[in-house]
Amino acid sequence: MSRIEQYHTVTRRLIIMTLICVLLFASIFAVSYVLQQRFLLTSACFLCGIVGGFVSIQQRLPKVSNAELGMLTKSWFQILLVPIFGGVFALVLYCVFLSGIVSGHLFPEFFVPQAGNNGPDDQFMWDIFSKTYPKTTEDFAKLLFWCFVAGFSERFVPQIINKTLNGTADGKNG
């Protein structure tokens, strides 16, 4: 198989997997909205990270070696690995934003439900994931953008983690 044919094979697989992810997200959204009248923000974050990972792979395809391109054409797993990491990194970034570890004008702010008088309970833990929302539409757009970046740039979230760990080890954070 020629390099062009391999490139087209991988591109087709990326398109197929992206469509499957979007359809899966649409299904999750429809079910959660119809059954609970809730938009599950975590699924949106995960999907944006996955799509960012797919776009990243597509952007890198022209630069990969023939051996790497051959490996990608033979394995669906290799094509899915980077986007799945992107989705996980997007969820980690969401937690980073919620925790306030990273904040500022470029990053989203959230409405977070408060624990009851007796402190956090099981309902509060569910509320954190089901009733936490960006404060404004701009914050929602910022969240989706940064989740896409988390999937697109494989080093973005690990760099935040390393900076946080280094700052903690130096006594700067807490």
Protein backbone atom coordinates (compact mmCIF):
# COMPACT_ATOMS: atom_id res chain seq x y z
CA MET A 1 0.00 0.00 0.00
CA SER A 2 1.42 3.40 -0.96
CA ARG A 3 1.90 6.26 1.51
CA ILE A 4 -1.04 8.14 -0.03
CA GLU A 5 -3.30 5.09 0.34
CA GLN A 6 -2.19 4.65 3.95
CA TYR A 7 -2.81 8.33 4.63
CA HIS A 8 -6.34 8.06 3.20
CA THR A 9 -7.02 4.88 5.20
CA VAL A 10 -6.04 6.55 8.46
CA THR A 11 -8.00 9.69 7.56
CA ARG A 12 -11.13 7.62 6.87
CA ARG A 13 -10.71 5.86 10.22
CA LEU A 14 -10.31 9.19 11.99
CA ILE A 15 -13.49 10.50 10.37
CA ILE A 16 -15.40 7.33 11.26
CA MET A 17 -14.21 7.42 14.87
CA THR A 18 -14.97 11.13 15.21
CA LEU A 19 -18.50 10.56 13.90
CA ILE A 20 -19.00 7.65 16.29
CA CYS A 21 -17.83 9.84 19.20
CA VAL A 22 -20.16 12.66 18.20
CA LEU A 23 -23.09 10.24 17.86
CA LEU A 24 -22.25 8.70 21.23
CA PHE A 25 -22.14 12.15 22.80
CA ALA A 26 -25.44 13.11 21.17
CA SER A 27 -26.98 9.91 22.57
CA ILE A 28 -25.67 10.58 26.07
CA PHE A 29 -26.89 14.16 25.85
CA ALA A 30 -30.35 13.10 24.65
CA VAL A 31 -30.76 10.43 27.32
CA SER A 32 -29.53 12.64 30.17
CA TYR A 33 -31.59 15.58 29.01
CA VAL A 34 -34.79 13.61 28.45
CA LEU A 35 -34.56 11.49 31.61
CA GLN A 36 -33.07 14.00 34.04
CA GLN A 37 -33.41 17.40 32.35
CA ARG A 38 -29.64 17.75 32.83
CA PHE A 39 -26.74 18.41 30.52
CA LEU A 40 -23.82 16.25 31.64
CA LEU A 41 -20.88 18.59 31.40
CA THR A 42 -18.36 15.82 31.98
CA SER A 43 -19.43 14.08 28.78
CA ALA A 44 -19.03 17.34 26.83
CA CYS A 45 -15.53 17.78 28.28
CA PHE A 46 -14.57 14.21 27.42
CA LEU A 47 -15.90 14.55 23.86
CA CYS A 48 -14.04 17.83 23.26
CA GLY A 49 -10.83 16.17 24.46
CA ILE A 50 -11.42 13.21 22.14
CA VAL A 51 -12.12 15.44 19.15
CA GLY A 52 -8.99 17.45 19.99
CA GLY A 53 -7.02 14.20 19.95
CA PHE A 54 -8.43 13.20 16.56
CA VAL A 55 -7.62 16.62 15.09
CA SER A 56 -4.10 16.39 16.54
CA ILE A 57 -3.51 13.04 14.86
CA GLN A 58 -4.84 14.37 11.55
CA GLN A 59 -2.54 17.41 11.79
CA ARG A 60 0.49 15.20 12.45
CA LEU A 61 -0.19 12.61 9.73
CA PRO A 62 1.80 14.30 6.95
CA LYS A 63 4.89 14.38 9.21
CA VAL A 64 4.87 10.80 10.52
CA SER A 65 7.36 8.28 9.23
CA ASN A 66 6.34 5.52 6.82
CA ALA A 67 6.70 2.96 9.62
CA GLU A 68 4.37 4.93 11.92
CA LEU A 69 1.86 5.45 9.14
CA GLY A 70 1.93 1.73 8.37
CA MET A 71 1.29 0.95 12.04
CA LEU A 72 -1.67 3.36 12.12
CA THR A 73 -3.24 1.73 9.04
CA LYS A 74 -3.02 -1.70 10.63
CA SER A 75 -4.38 -0.86 14.08
CA TRP A 76 -7.58 0.85 15.17
CA PHE A 77 -6.19 0.78 18.70
CA GLN A 78 -3.27 3.05 17.77
CA ILE A 79 -5.68 5.54 16.22
CA LEU A 80 -7.90 5.54 19.33
CA LEU A 81 -5.13 5.78 21.92
CA VAL A 82 -4.30 9.49 21.54
CA PRO A 83 -7.95 10.64 21.48
CA ILE A 84 -8.80 8.56 24.56
CA PHE A 85 -5.86 10.16 26.38
CA GLY A 86 -7.19 13.50 25.15
CA GLY A 87 -10.58 12.78 26.69
CA VAL A 88 -9.00 11.76 29.99
CA PHE A 89 -6.80 14.87 29.99
CA ALA A 90 -9.88 17.01 29.33
CA LEU A 91 -11.58 15.52 32.41
CA VAL A 92 -8.45 16.11 34.49
CA LEU A 93 -8.36 19.71 33.25
CA TYR A 94 -12.04 20.10 34.21
CA CYS A 95 -11.12 18.99 37.75
CA VAL A 96 -8.17 21.42 37.73
CA PHE A 97 -10.54 24.25 36.84
CA LEU A 98 -13.07 23.22 39.50
CA SER A 99 -10.33 23.07 42.13
CA GLY A 100 -9.07 26.55 41.30
CA ILE A 101 -5.52 25.29 40.71
CA VAL A 102 -5.60 27.19 37.42
CA SER A 103 -7.68 30.35 37.26
CA GLY A 104 -7.80 33.72 35.61
CA HIS A 105 -9.61 35.62 32.89
CA LEU A 106 -8.73 33.07 30.19
CA PHE A 107 -10.18 30.16 32.16
CA PRO A 108 -13.80 29.29 33.03
CA GLU A 109 -15.48 29.97 36.34
CA PHE A 110 -18.18 27.66 37.71
CA PHE A 111 -21.27 27.59 39.83
CA VAL A 112 -20.59 24.77 42.28
CA PRO A 113 -23.29 23.52 44.66
CA GLN A 114 -22.44 23.83 48.33
CA ALA A 115 -22.51 21.00 50.83
CA GLY A 116 -25.35 20.92 53.33
CA ASN A 117 -25.03 21.84 57.02
CA ASN A 118 -23.84 18.34 57.87
CA GLY A 119 -21.02 18.48 55.29
CA PRO A 120 -20.60 16.52 52.07
CA ASP A 121 -22.80 13.46 51.68
CA ASP A 122 -23.64 11.05 48.85
CA GLN A 123 -26.10 13.51 47.31
CA PHE A 124 -23.48 16.26 47.36
CA MET A 125 -21.02 14.02 45.51
CA TRP A 126 -23.63 13.43 42.80
CA ASP A 127 -24.45 17.15 42.71
CA ILE A 128 -20.81 18.01 42.03
CA PHE A 129 -21.05 16.20 38.70
CA SER A 130 -24.68 16.87 37.84
CA LYS A 131 -25.25 20.43 39.07
CA THR A 132 -21.90 22.12 38.47
CA TYR A 133 -22.03 24.47 35.50
CA PRO A 134 -20.00 27.30 34.01
CA LYS A 135 -21.23 30.65 35.34
CA THR A 136 -21.77 32.24 31.91
CA THR A 137 -21.95 31.26 28.26
CA GLU A 138 -18.43 32.66 27.87
CA ASP A 139 -17.25 30.35 30.64
CA PHE A 140 -18.93 27.42 28.88
CA ALA A 141 -17.14 28.30 25.63
CA LYS A 142 -13.82 28.64 27.50
CA LEU A 143 -14.33 25.21 29.06
CA LEU A 144 -15.01 23.56 25.70
CA PHE A 145 -12.03 25.34 24.14
CA TRP A 146 -9.61 24.27 26.89
CA CYS A 147 -10.93 20.68 26.83
CA PHE A 148 -10.27 20.61 23.09
CA VAL A 149 -6.74 21.97 23.75
CA ALA A 150 -6.22 19.25 26.40
CA GLY A 151 -6.91 16.62 23.74
CA PHE A 152 -5.07 18.40 20.95
CA SER A 153 -1.86 19.11 22.87
CA GLU A 154 -0.74 15.94 24.62
CA ARG A 155 1.68 17.86 26.83
CA PHE A 156 -0.66 20.63 28.04
CA VAL A 157 -2.27 18.88 31.03
CA PRO A 158 0.88 16.98 32.07
CA GLN A 159 2.73 20.33 32.11
CA ILE A 160 0.06 21.81 34.40
CA ILE A 161 0.37 18.79 36.68
CA ASN A 162 4.16 19.03 36.74
CA LYS A 163 4.08 22.78 37.48
CA THR A 164 1.60 22.18 40.30
CA LEU A 165 3.70 19.36 41.75
CA ASN A 166 6.88 21.42 41.50
CA GLY A 167 5.16 24.40 43.13
CA THR A 168 3.90 22.17 45.94
CA ALA A 169 7.32 20.59 46.44
CA ASP A 170 8.86 24.08 46.64
CA GLY A 171 6.29 25.10 49.27
CA LYS A 172 4.56 27.61 47.02
CA ASN A 173 1.13 25.93 46.99
CA GLY A 174 -0.22 24.98 50.37
